[in-house]
C-alpha atoms as a PDB file:
ATOM      1  CA  MET A   1       0.000   0.000   0.000  1.00  0.00           C
ATOM      2  CA  LYS A   2       2.894   2.378   0.619  1.00  0.00           C
ATOM      3  CA  ALA A   3       3.857   2.174  -3.058  1.00  0.00           C
ATOM      4  CA  MET A   4       0.405   3.302  -4.225  1.00  0.00           C
ATOM      5  CA  VAL A   5       1.077   7.015  -3.679  1.00  0.00           C
ATOM      6  CA  PRO A   6       4.232   7.213  -5.852  1.00  0.00           C
ATOM      7  CA  LEU A   7       2.624   4.876  -8.396  1.00  0.00           C
ATOM      8  CA  LEU A   8      -0.386   7.187  -8.573  1.00  0.00           C
ATOM      9  CA  GLN A   9       1.911  10.163  -9.117  1.00  0.00           C
ATOM     10  CA  ILE A  10       3.729   8.360 -11.918  1.00  0.00           C
ATOM     11  CA  GLY A  11       0.380   7.343 -13.419  1.00  0.00           C
ATOM     12  CA  LEU A  12      -0.782  10.962 -13.494  1.00  0.00           C
ATOM     13  CA  LEU A  13       2.514  12.029 -15.053  1.00  0.00           C
ATOM     14  CA  LEU A  14       2.214   9.296 -17.686  1.00  0.00           C
ATOM     15  CA  PHE A  15      -1.390  10.273 -18.438  1.00  0.00           C
ATOM     16  CA  PHE A  16      -0.330  13.894 -18.864  1.00  0.00           C
ATOM     17  CA  ALA A  17       2.402  12.844 -21.318  1.00  0.00           C
ATOM     18  CA  ILE A  18      -0.066  10.678 -23.282  1.00  0.00           C
ATOM     19  CA  VAL A  19      -2.578  13.527 -23.536  1.00  0.00           C
ATOM     20  CA  MET A  20       0.148  15.959 -24.608  1.00  0.00           C
ATOM     21  CA  PHE A  21       1.359  13.688 -27.423  1.00  0.00           C
ATOM     22  CA  ALA A  22      -2.252  12.925 -28.388  1.00  0.00           C
ATOM     23  CA  ILE A  23      -2.999  16.645 -28.827  1.00  0.00           C
ATOM     24  CA  ILE A  24       0.102  17.051 -30.997  1.00  0.00           C
ATOM     25  CA  GLY A  25      -0.950  14.035 -33.084  1.00  0.00           C
ATOM     26  CA  VAL A  26      -4.447  15.454 -33.609  1.00  0.00           C
ATOM     27  CA  GLU A  27      -2.958  18.735 -34.836  1.00  0.00           C
ATOM     28  CA  PHE A  28      -0.749  17.068 -37.455  1.00  0.00           C
ATOM     29  CA  TYR A  29      -2.511  13.835 -38.516  1.00  0.00           C
ATOM     30  CA  MET A  30      -6.257  14.455 -38.085  1.00  0.00           C
ATOM     31  CA  GLY A  31      -8.227  12.850 -40.925  1.00  0.00           C
ATOM     32  CA  LYS A  32      -5.158  11.794 -42.912  1.00  0.00           C
ATOM     33  CA  PHE A  33      -5.455   8.052 -42.307  1.00  0.00           C
ATOM     34  CA  HIS A  34      -8.663   7.737 -44.366  1.00  0.00           C
ATOM     35  CA  HIS A  35      -7.102   8.325 -47.803  1.00  0.00           C
ATOM     36  CA  THR A  36      -6.169   5.325 -49.943  1.00  0.00           C
ATOM     37  CA  CYS A  37      -5.895   4.404 -53.615  1.00  0.00           C
ATOM     38  CA  PHE A  38      -9.125   3.790 -55.560  1.00  0.00           C
ATOM     39  CA  ASN A  39      -9.456   2.573 -59.138  1.00  0.00           C
ATOM     40  CA  ILE A  40     -10.287   5.446 -61.452  1.00  0.00           C
ATOM     41  CA  HIS A  41     -12.684   3.454 -63.643  1.00  0.00           C
ATOM     42  CA  THR A  42     -14.456   1.142 -61.190  1.00  0.00           C
ATOM     43  CA  GLY A  43     -14.113   3.194 -58.010  1.00  0.00           C
ATOM     44  CA  GLU A  44     -13.083   0.126 -56.022  1.00  0.00           C
ATOM     45  CA  LYS A  45     -10.403   0.244 -53.337  1.00  0.00           C
ATOM     46  CA  ALA A  46      -7.067  -0.780 -54.861  1.00  0.00           C
ATOM     47  CA  ALA A  47      -4.760  -0.708 -51.795  1.00  0.00           C
ATOM     48  CA  ASP A  48      -4.744  -1.389 -48.059  1.00  0.00           C
ATOM     49  CA  TRP A  49      -2.390   1.403 -47.050  1.00  0.00           C
ATOM     50  CA  PRO A  50      -2.887   5.135 -46.626  1.00  0.00           C
ATOM     51  CA  CYS A  51      -1.638   7.545 -49.235  1.00  0.00           C
ATOM     52  CA  GLY A  52      -1.026  11.244 -49.739  1.00  0.00           C
ATOM     53  CA  MET A  53      -2.047  13.746 -52.348  1.00  0.00           C
ATOM     54  CA  GLU A  54       1.460  14.827 -53.376  1.00  0.00           C
ATOM     55  CA  PRO A  55       5.114  13.972 -52.655  1.00  0.00           C
ATOM     56  CA  PRO A  56       6.899  13.368 -50.337  1.00  0.00           C
ATOM     57  CA  ALA A  57       3.840  11.346 -49.294  1.00  0.00           C
ATOM     58  CA  ARG A  58       3.207   7.935 -50.809  1.00  0.00           C
ATOM     59  CA  THR A  59       1.426   8.408 -54.115  1.00  0.00           C
ATOM     60  CA  CYS A  60      -0.844   5.989 -55.926  1.00  0.00           C
ATOM     61  CA  PRO A  61       0.247   4.042 -59.042  1.00  0.00           C
ATOM     62  CA  ASN A  62      -1.112   4.704 -62.510  1.00  0.00           C
ATOM     63  CA  GLY A  63      -4.780   3.961 -62.959  1.00  0.00           C
ATOM     64  CA  THR A  64      -5.608   4.753 -59.337  1.00  0.00           C
ATOM     65  CA  GLN A  65      -6.354   7.910 -57.410  1.00  0.00           C
ATOM     66  CA  CYS A  66      -5.787   8.819 -53.746  1.00  0.00           C
ATOM     67  CA  LYS A  67      -9.064   9.938 -52.227  1.00  0.00           C
ATOM     68  CA  GLU A  68     -11.499   9.379 -49.394  1.00  0.00           C
ATOM     69  CA  TYR A  69     -13.190   7.508 -47.852  1.00  0.00           C
ATOM     70  CA  TRP A  70     -11.344   4.542 -46.347  1.00  0.00           C
ATOM     71  CA  THR A  71     -11.994   3.143 -42.873  1.00  0.00           C
ATOM     72  CA  GLY A  72      -8.292   3.294 -42.052  1.00  0.00           C
ATOM     73  CA  PRO A  73      -5.613   0.966 -40.653  1.00  0.00           C
ATOM     74  CA  ASN A  74      -6.637  -1.616 -38.045  1.00  0.00           C
ATOM     75  CA  TYR A  75     -10.323  -1.255 -38.968  1.00  0.00           C
ATOM     76  CA  GLY A  76     -10.228   2.469 -38.259  1.00  0.00           C
ATOM     77  CA  ILE A  77      -9.000   2.187 -34.672  1.00  0.00           C
ATOM     78  CA  THR A  78      -5.501   3.560 -35.281  1.00  0.00           C
ATOM     79  CA  ASN A  79      -5.944   7.233 -36.158  1.00  0.00           C
ATOM     80  CA  PHE A  80      -5.702  10.762 -34.805  1.00  0.00           C
ATOM     81  CA  ASP A  81      -9.196  11.972 -35.768  1.00  0.00           C
ATOM     82  CA  ASN A  82     -10.120  13.004 -32.218  1.00  0.00           C
ATOM     83  CA  ILE A  83      -8.583  13.069 -28.769  1.00  0.00           C
ATOM     84  CA  LEU A  84      -9.997   9.672 -27.729  1.00  0.00           C
ATOM     85  CA  PHE A  85      -8.610   7.755 -30.699  1.00  0.00           C
ATOM     86  CA  ALA A  86      -5.379   9.746 -30.420  1.00  0.00           C
ATOM     87  CA  VAL A  87      -4.945   8.734 -26.757  1.00  0.00           C
ATOM     88  CA  LEU A  88      -5.562   5.098 -27.721  1.00  0.00           C
ATOM     89  CA  THR A  89      -3.020   5.320 -30.556  1.00  0.00           C
ATOM     90  CA  VAL A  90      -0.388   6.971 -28.335  1.00  0.00           C
ATOM     91  CA  PHE A  91      -0.960   4.336 -25.648  1.00  0.00           C
ATOM     92  CA  GLN A  92      -0.386   1.631 -28.259  1.00  0.00           C
ATOM     93  CA  CYS A  93       2.877   3.337 -29.233  1.00  0.00           C
ATOM     94  CA  ILE A  94       4.265   3.499 -25.688  1.00  0.00           C
ATOM     95  CA  THR A  95       3.535  -0.206 -25.223  1.00  0.00           C
ATOM     96  CA  MET A  96       5.800  -0.701 -28.277  1.00  0.00           C
ATOM     97  CA  GLU A  97       3.235  -2.954 -29.937  1.00  0.00           C
ATOM     98  CA  GLY A  98       2.810  -1.984 -33.585  1.00  0.00           C
ATOM     99  CA  TRP A  99       4.208   1.539 -33.227  1.00  0.00           C
ATOM    100  CA  VAL A 100       6.476   0.988 -36.249  1.00  0.00           C
ATOM    101  CA  GLU A 101       3.427   0.370 -38.460  1.00  0.00           C
ATOM    102  CA  ILE A 102       1.889   3.605 -37.200  1.00  0.00           C
ATOM    103  CA  LEU A 103       5.141   5.421 -38.023  1.00  0.00           C
ATOM    104  CA  TYR A 104       5.120   3.956 -41.539  1.00  0.00           C
ATOM    105  CA  ASN A 105       1.482   4.988 -41.989  1.00  0.00           C
ATOM    106  CA  THR A 106       2.318   8.577 -41.055  1.00  0.00           C
ATOM    107  CA  ASN A 107       5.222   8.448 -43.517  1.00  0.00           C
ATOM    108  CA  ASP A 108       2.768   7.319 -46.203  1.00  0.00           C
ATOM    109  CA  VAL A 109       0.355  10.189 -45.606  1.00  0.00           C
ATOM    110  CA  ALA A 110       2.815  13.010 -44.823  1.00  0.00           C
ATOM    111  CA  GLY A 111       6.285  11.913 -45.978  1.00  0.00           C
ATOM    112  CA  ASN A 112       9.207  10.710 -43.894  1.00  0.00           C
ATOM    113  CA  THR A 113      11.006  14.014 -43.319  1.00  0.00           C
ATOM    114  CA  TRP A 114       9.750  15.199 -39.937  1.00  0.00           C
ATOM    115  CA  ASN A 115       7.658  12.350 -38.487  1.00  0.00           C
ATOM    116  CA  TRP A 116      10.598  10.994 -36.479  1.00  0.00           C
ATOM    117  CA  LEU A 117      10.556  14.210 -34.432  1.00  0.00           C
ATOM    118  CA  TYR A 118       7.194  13.058 -33.054  1.00  0.00           C
ATOM    119  CA  PHE A 119       7.678   9.310 -32.622  1.00  0.00           C
ATOM    120  CA  VAL A 120      11.257   9.172 -31.296  1.00  0.00           C
ATOM    121  CA  PRO A 121      10.537  11.440 -28.267  1.00  0.00           C
ATOM    122  CA  LEU A 122       7.251   9.569 -27.778  1.00  0.00           C
ATOM    123  CA  ILE A 123       9.030   6.215 -27.456  1.00  0.00           C
ATOM    124  CA  ILE A 124      11.899   7.584 -25.338  1.00  0.00           C
ATOM    125  CA  ILE A 125       9.709   9.529 -22.902  1.00  0.00           C
ATOM    126  CA  GLY A 126       6.629   7.338 -22.867  1.00  0.00           C
ATOM    127  CA  SER A 127       8.150   3.862 -23.035  1.00  0.00           C
ATOM    128  CA  PHE A 128      11.785   3.939 -21.931  1.00  0.00           C
ATOM    129  CA  PHE A 129      11.454   6.605 -19.228  1.00  0.00           C
ATOM    130  CA  MET A 130       7.910   6.589 -17.846  1.00  0.00           C
ATOM    131  CA  LEU A 131       7.336   2.843 -17.696  1.00  0.00           C
ATOM    132  CA  ASN A 132      10.754   2.248 -16.124  1.00  0.00           C
ATOM    133  CA  LEU A 133       9.827   4.725 -13.396  1.00  0.00           C
ATOM    134  CA  VAL A 134       7.162   2.264 -12.277  1.00  0.00           C
ATOM    135  CA  LEU A 135       9.754  -0.498 -11.988  1.00  0.00           C
ATOM    136  CA  GLY A 136      12.055   1.860 -10.099  1.00  0.00           C
ATOM    137  CA  VAL A 137       9.366   2.731  -7.563  1.00  0.00           C
ATOM    138  CA  LEU A 138       8.436  -0.914  -7.001  1.00  0.00           C
ATOM    139  CA  SER A 139      12.091  -1.901  -6.629  1.00  0.00           C
ATOM    140  CA  GLY A 140      12.763   0.917  -4.158  1.00  0.00           C
ATOM    141  CA  GLU A 141       9.734   0.116  -2.017  1.00  0.00           C
ATOM    142  CA  PHE A 142      10.615  -3.582  -2.013  1.00  0.00           C
ATOM    143  CA  ALA A 143      14.174  -2.787  -0.879  1.00  0.00           C
ATOM    144  CA  LYS A 144      12.867  -0.556   1.935  1.00  0.00           C
ATOM    145  CA  GLU A 145      10.423  -3.216   3.103  1.00  0.00           C
ATOM    146  CA  ARG A 146      13.105  -5.900   3.055  1.00  0.00           C
ATOM    147  CA  GLU A 147      15.463  -3.710   5.079  1.00  0.00           C
ATOM    148  CA  ARG A 148      12.658  -2.962   7.546  1.00  0.00           C
ATOM    149  CA  VAL A 149      11.950  -6.682   8.017  1.00  0.00           C
ATOM    150  CA  GLU A 150      15.649  -7.461   8.495  1.00  0.00           C
ATOM    151  CA  LYS A 151      16.020  -4.767  11.148  1.00  0.00           C
ATOM    152  CA  ARG A 152      12.923  -6.007  12.961  1.00  0.00           C
ATOM    153  CA  GLN A 153      14.230  -9.582  12.969  1.00  0.00           C
ATOM    154  CA  GLU A 154      17.589  -8.438  14.339  1.00  0.00           C
ATOM    155  CA  PHE A 155      15.868  -6.394  17.045  1.00  0.00           C
ATOM    156  CA  LEU A 156      13.631  -9.288  18.118  1.00  0.00           C
ATOM    157  CA  LYS A 157      16.586 -11.656  18.177  1.00  0.00           C
ATOM    158  CA  LEU A 158      18.653  -9.278  20.303  1.00  0.00           C
ATOM    159  CA  ARG A 159      15.768  -8.636  22.701  1.00  0.00           C
ATOM    160  CA  ARG A 160      15.162 -12.372  23.084  1.00  0.00           C
ATOM    161  CA  GLN A 161      18.833 -12.986  23.850  1.00  0.00           C
ATOM    162  CA  GLN A 162      18.909 -10.203  26.433  1.00  0.00           C
ATOM    163  CA  GLN A 163      15.789 -11.619  28.068  1.00  0.00           C
ATOM    164  CA  ILE A 164      17.384 -15.075  28.297  1.00  0.00           C
ATOM    165  CA  GLU A 165      20.526 -13.583  29.859  1.00  0.00           C
ATOM    166  CA  ARG A 166      18.472 -11.691  32.458  1.00  0.00           C
ATOM    167  CA  GLU A 167      16.472 -14.804  33.339  1.00  0.00           C
ATOM    168  CA  LEU A 168      19.667 -16.866  33.652  1.00  0.00           C
ATOM    169  CA  THR A 169      21.301 -14.262  35.893  1.00  0.00           C
ATOM    170  CA  GLY A 170      18.229 -14.067  38.135  1.00  0.00           C
ATOM    171  CA  TYR A 171      18.006 -17.845  38.384  1.00  0.00           C
ATOM    172  CA  LEU A 172      21.680 -18.134  39.411  1.00  0.00           C
ATOM    173  CA  GLU A 173      21.234 -15.458  42.057  1.00  0.00           C
ATOM    174  CA  TRP A 174      18.136 -17.225  43.397  1.00  0.00           C
ATOM    175  CA  ILE A 175      19.640 -20.731  43.715  1.00  0.00           C
ATOM    176  CA  SER A 176      23.055 -19.565  45.020  1.00  0.00           C
ATOM    177  CA  PRO A 177      22.862 -17.995  48.504  1.00  0.00           C
ATOM    178  CA  PRO A 178      25.814 -15.739  49.384  1.00  0.00           C
ATOM    179  CA  GLY A 179      28.652 -17.256  51.454  1.00  0.00           C
ATOM    180  CA  SER A 180      28.184 -20.883  50.398  1.00  0.00           C
ATOM    181  CA  PRO A 181      30.912 -22.728  48.473  1.00  0.00           C
ATOM    182  CA  PHE A 182      28.382 -23.520  45.752  1.00  0.00           C
ATOM    183  CA  GLY A 183      27.462 -19.895  45.666  1.00  0.00           C
ATOM    184  CA  ARG A 184      31.099 -18.841  45.222  1.00  0.00           C
ATOM    185  CA  SER A 185      31.618 -21.378  42.444  1.00  0.00           C
ATOM    186  CA  SER A 186      28.368 -20.321  40.844  1.00  0.00           C
ATOM    187  CA  LEU A 187      29.448 -16.717  41.143  1.00  0.00           C
ATOM    188  CA  LYS A 188      32.746 -17.532  39.428  1.00  0.00           C
ATOM    189  CA  SER A 189      30.882 -19.430  36.723  1.00  0.00           C
ATOM    190  CA  ALA A 190      28.508 -16.523  36.283  1.00  0.00           C
ATOM    191  CA  THR A 191      31.493 -14.183  36.090  1.00  0.00           C
ATOM    192  CA  ARG A 192      33.031 -16.329  33.365  1.00  0.00           C
ATOM    193  CA  LEU A 193      29.650 -16.412  31.642  1.00  0.00           C
ATOM    194  CA  ASP A 194      29.413 -12.643  31.847  1.00  0.00           C
ATOM    195  CA  GLY A 195      32.918 -12.372  30.383  1.00  0.00           C
ATOM    196  CA  SER A 196      32.056 -14.572  27.417  1.00  0.00           C
ATOM    197  CA  ALA A 197      28.788 -12.707  26.955  1.00  0.00           C
ATOM    198  CA  TYR A 198      30.759  -9.451  26.976  1.00  0.00           C
ATOM    199  CA  PHE A 199      32.983 -10.661  24.152  1.00  0.00           C
ATOM    200  CA  ARG A 200      29.936 -11.914  22.238  1.00  0.00           C
ATOM    201  CA  ARG A 201      28.312  -8.518  22.554  1.00  0.00           C
ATOM    202  CA  LYS A 202      31.496  -6.830  21.362  1.00  0.00           C
ATOM    203  CA  GLU A 203      31.695  -9.200  18.404  1.00  0.00           C
ATOM    204  CA  LYS A 204      28.057  -8.563  17.497  1.00  0.00           C
ATOM    205  CA  ARG A 205      28.568  -4.821  17.698  1.00  0.00           C
ATOM    206  CA  THR A 206      31.605  -5.121  15.433  1.00  0.00           C
ATOM    207  CA  ARG A 207      29.678  -7.257  12.959  1.00  0.00           C
ATOM    208  CA  PHE A 208      26.740  -4.856  13.031  1.00  0.00           C
ATOM    209  CA  PHE A 209      29.095  -1.942  12.367  1.00  0.00           C
ATOM    210  CA  ILE A 210      30.715  -3.756   9.425  1.00  0.00           C
ATOM    211  CA  ARG A 211      27.270  -4.726   8.121  1.00  0.00           C
ATOM    212  CA  ARG A 212      26.169  -1.096   8.130  1.00  0.00           C
ATOM    213  CA  MET A 213      29.431  -0.105   6.477  1.00  0.00           C
ATOM    214  CA  VAL A 214      29.208  -2.577   3.566  1.00  0.00           C
ATOM    215  CA  LYS A 215      25.546  -1.667   2.962  1.00  0.00           C
ATOM    216  CA  ALA A 216      26.216   2.071   2.960  1.00  0.00           C
ATOM    217  CA  PRO A 217      26.101   3.970  -0.372  1.00  0.00           C
ATOM    218  CA  SER A 218      29.565   5.420   0.295  1.00  0.00           C
ATOM    219  CA  PHE A 219      31.054   1.897   0.425  1.00  0.00           C
ATOM    220  CA  TYR A 220      29.350   1.087  -2.875  1.00  0.00           C
ATOM    221  CA  TRP A 221      30.810   4.168  -4.562  1.00  0.00           C
ATOM    222  CA  LEU A 222      34.246   3.357  -3.171  1.00  0.00           C
ATOM    223  CA  VAL A 223      34.065  -0.164  -4.617  1.00  0.00           C
ATOM    224  CA  LEU A 224      32.754   1.276  -7.876  1.00  0.00           C
ATOM    225  CA  CYS A 225      35.781   3.591  -8.114  1.00  0.00           C
ATOM    226  CA  LEU A 226      38.078   0.623  -7.509  1.00  0.00           C
ATOM    227  CA  VAL A 227      36.234  -1.317 -10.203  1.00  0.00           C
ATOM    228  CA  GLY A 228      36.733   1.590 -12.609  1.00  0.00           C
ATOM    229  CA  LEU A 229      40.448   1.747 -11.828  1.00  0.00           C
ATOM    230  CA  ASN A 230      40.695  -2.019 -12.274  1.00  0.00           C
ATOM    231  CA  THR A 231      38.992  -1.760 -15.654  1.00  0.00           C
ATOM    232  CA  LEU A 232      41.380   1.038 -16.616  1.00  0.00           C
ATOM    233  CA  CYS A 233      44.357  -1.147 -15.704  1.00  0.00           C
ATOM    234  CA  VAL A 234      42.943  -3.982 -17.803  1.00  0.00           C
ATOM    235  CA  ALA A 235      42.516  -1.552 -20.718  1.00  0.00           C
ATOM    236  CA  MET A 236      46.142  -0.395 -20.366  1.00  0.00           C
ATOM    237  CA  VAL A 237      47.558  -3.831 -21.206  1.00  0.00           C
ATOM    238  CA  HIS A 238      50.413  -3.403 -23.707  1.00  0.00           C
ATOM    239  CA  TYR A 239      53.528  -5.122 -24.909  1.00  0.00           C
ATOM    240  CA  ASP A 240      56.465  -5.357 -22.520  1.00  0.00           C
ATOM    241  CA  GLN A 241      54.470  -3.989 -19.603  1.00  0.00           C
ATOM    242  CA  PRO A 242      55.807  -4.252 -16.022  1.00  0.00           C
ATOM    243  CA  ASP A 243      54.877  -7.237 -13.885  1.00  0.00           C
ATOM    244  CA  TRP A 244      53.098  -5.128 -11.262  1.00  0.00           C
ATOM    245  CA  LEU A 245      50.636  -3.962 -13.900  1.00  0.00           C
ATOM    246  CA  THR A 246      50.065  -7.510 -15.117  1.00  0.00           C
ATOM    247  CA  THR A 247      49.470  -9.019 -11.689  1.00  0.00           C
ATOM    248  CA  ALA A 248      47.530  -6.093 -10.165  1.00  0.00           C
ATOM    249  CA  LEU A 249      48.050  -7.473  -6.677  1.00  0.00           C
ATOM    250  CA  LEU A 250      46.764  -4.252  -5.124  1.00  0.00           C
ATOM    251  CA  PHE A 251      43.309  -4.693  -6.640  1.00  0.00           C
ATOM    252  CA  LEU A 252      43.310  -8.369  -5.717  1.00  0.00           C
ATOM    253  CA  CYS A 253      43.985  -7.505  -2.071  1.00  0.00           C
ATOM    254  CA  LEU A 254      41.360  -4.752  -2.080  1.00  0.00           C
ATOM    255  CA  PHE A 255      38.679  -6.970  -3.619  1.00  0.00           C
ATOM    256  CA  LEU A 256      39.539  -9.823  -1.257  1.00  0.00           C
ATOM    257  CA  THR A 257      39.201  -7.382   1.636  1.00  0.00           C
ATOM    258  CA  GLU A 258      35.829  -6.245   0.305  1.00  0.00           C
ATOM    259  CA  MET A 259      34.626  -9.841  -0.031  1.00  0.00           C
ATOM    260  CA  SER A 260      35.844 -10.692   3.482  1.00  0.00           C
ATOM    261  CA  LEU A 261      34.120  -7.666   5.019  1.00  0.00           C
ATOM    262  CA  LYS A 262      30.838  -8.465   3.277  1.00  0.00           C
ATOM    263  CA  MET A 263      31.039 -12.130   4.263  1.00  0.00           C
ATOM    264  CA  TYR A 264      31.748 -11.262   7.907  1.00  0.00           C
ATOM    265  CA  GLY A 265      29.221  -8.436   8.160  1.00  0.00           C
ATOM    266  CA  LEU A 266      26.344 -10.157   6.353  1.00  0.00           C
ATOM    267  CA  GLY A 267      27.088 -13.675   7.539  1.00  0.00           C
ATOM    268  CA  ALA A 268      27.780 -16.680   5.332  1.00  0.00           C
ATOM    269  CA  ARG A 269      24.105 -17.529   4.784  1.00  0.00           C
ATOM    270  CA  ASN A 270      23.036 -14.016   3.812  1.00  0.00           C
ATOM    271  CA  TYR A 271      26.184 -13.522   1.754  1.00  0.00           C
ATOM    272  CA  PHE A 272      25.664 -16.599  -0.414  1.00  0.00           C
ATOM    273  CA  HIS A 273      21.947 -15.881  -0.675  1.00  0.00           C
ATOM    274  CA  SER A 274      22.808 -13.346  -3.392  1.00  0.00           C
ATOM    275  CA  SER A 275      23.636 -14.809  -6.799  1.00  0.00           C
ATOM    276  CA  PHE A 276      26.125 -12.024  -7.490  1.00  0.00           C
ATOM    277  CA  ASN A 277      27.968 -12.728  -4.240  1.00  0.00           C
ATOM    278  CA  CYS A 278      28.293 -16.376  -5.288  1.00  0.00           C
ATOM    279  CA  PHE A 279      29.661 -15.249  -8.639  1.00  0.00           C
ATOM    280  CA  ASP A 280      32.018 -12.803  -6.924  1.00  0.00           C
ATOM    281  CA  PHE A 281      33.227 -15.518  -4.550  1.00  0.00           C
ATOM    282  CA  GLY A 282      33.960 -17.859  -7.455  1.00  0.00           C
ATOM    283  CA  VAL A 283      35.873 -15.170  -9.331  1.00  0.00           C
ATOM    284  CA  MET A 284      37.936 -14.126  -6.318  1.00  0.00           C
ATOM    285  CA  ARG A 285      38.622 -17.743  -5.373  1.00  0.00           C
ATOM    286  CA  GLY A 286      40.011 -18.521  -8.816  1.00  0.00           C
ATOM    287  CA  GLU A 287      41.963 -15.279  -9.096  1.00  0.00           C
ATOM    288  CA  PRO A 288      45.013 -16.230  -6.946  1.00  0.00           C
ATOM    289  CA  GLY A 289      45.369 -19.567  -8.709  1.00  0.00           C
ATOM    290  CA  SER A 290      45.220 -17.936 -12.108  1.00  0.00           C
ATOM    291  CA  ARG A 291      48.193 -15.745 -11.291  1.00  0.00           C
ATOM    292  CA  SER A 292      50.468 -18.761 -11.062  1.00  0.00           C
ATOM    293  CA  GLN A 293      49.259 -19.786 -14.529  1.00  0.00           C
ATOM    294  CA  ARG A 294      49.072 -16.358 -16.130  1.00  0.00           C
ATOM    295  CA  HIS A 295      51.402 -17.307 -18.974  1.00  0.00           C
ATOM    296  CA  TRP A 296      48.790 -19.613 -20.510  1.00  0.00           C
ATOM    297  CA  MET A 297      45.555 -18.412 -18.858  1.00  0.00           C
ATOM    298  CA  GLY A 298      45.972 -14.650 -19.184  1.00  0.00           C
ATOM    299  CA  ARG A 299      42.870 -14.196 -21.285  1.00  0.00           C
ATOM    300  CA  GLN A 300      40.694 -16.219 -18.923  1.00  0.00           C
ATOM    301  CA  LYS A 301      41.877 -14.134 -15.966  1.00  0.00           C
ATOM    302  CA  THR A 302      41.190 -10.884 -17.816  1.00  0.00           C
ATOM    303  CA  CYS A 303      37.708 -12.067 -18.772  1.00  0.00           C
ATOM    304  CA  ARG A 304      36.923 -12.947 -15.161  1.00  0.00           C
ATOM    305  CA  ARG A 305      38.064  -9.522 -13.974  1.00  0.00           C
ATOM    306  CA  LEU A 306      36.009  -7.767 -16.633  1.00  0.00           C
ATOM    307  CA  LEU A 307      32.950  -9.877 -15.800  1.00  0.00           C
ATOM    308  CA  ARG A 308      33.306  -8.895 -12.168  1.00  0.00           C
ATOM    309  CA  ASP A 309      33.628  -5.239 -13.157  1.00  0.00           C
ATOM    310  CA  GLN A 310      30.541  -5.328 -15.371  1.00  0.00           C
ATOM    311  CA  ASN A 311      28.381  -7.203 -12.844  1.00  0.00           C
ATOM    312  CA  ASN A 312      29.192  -5.156  -9.749  1.00  0.00           C
ATOM    313  CA  PRO A 313      25.823  -4.112  -8.208  1.00  0.00           C
ATOM    314  CA  PRO A 314      25.222  -1.738  -5.310  1.00  0.00           C
ATOM    315  CA  SER A 315      26.510  -3.380  -2.136  1.00  0.00           C
ATOM    316  CA  TYR A 316      23.946  -1.696   0.057  1.00  0.00           C
ATOM    317  CA  VAL A 317      21.017  -3.591  -1.515  1.00  0.00           C
ATOM    318  CA  PHE A 318      22.149  -7.001  -0.273  1.00  0.00           C
END
């Protein structure tokens, strides 16, 4: 339900764009899709495509004449005679179903000089931009909801663990009266338990900090810059280049550090839940071994590095 408000806004914006292009289509193509070629002698329809009166429009062959009245393409549905049919035609274009035929029909009735100025922006704005906004909104809302669920699960797990620790501490205090040997041993055991719990809490705080770090946008942009530099080094391969450029050990260490931080912060199960992380793990696992065989597997190593560069998604969405 939270995605309905932005989806409604995008729907209104898309409807406004459709109406705007429909008005422009009515101004330029109103009534022009009902001309076709008729036989001069019999008066019968001789073609199933629209025509124009003079070049650069499509003219009729000898023995025929371009005149009205023809129902039009698609049984008269595809036209710009009024705003309703124009909206329907524009909607068909932005769905990218049969818009090329509509473009060819407009070329037949008005020539092919300026029609692209209408249809190219229509496809770019209406299809590529507007419809992808819907996918962007749904993807963003899904990511927010998933992050909200993960945080709630972590909070409930932490609260449950703290409740168990409080109950255990209270139970030990209740069954161990002060001054008894059992009480002293229980107190020492509880002290050791508190010490181990302290280190567990510290470890969880460290893991939570690393998890927030690897999911932050700044960490993603840092990795993206390293990926760009790695790609630049791959593109700079030349004859008789130094060994440090060929091996690129610095990038190997940096990417191994990134993989280790993500694996520790997210946990092994959550890390391998992502298909890209599995791919990244396979690439980084095979990278050190490929360096010992770089004389006969140089191309395979380069392809793996480029595949990793091209498939690097935002780290903060995992």
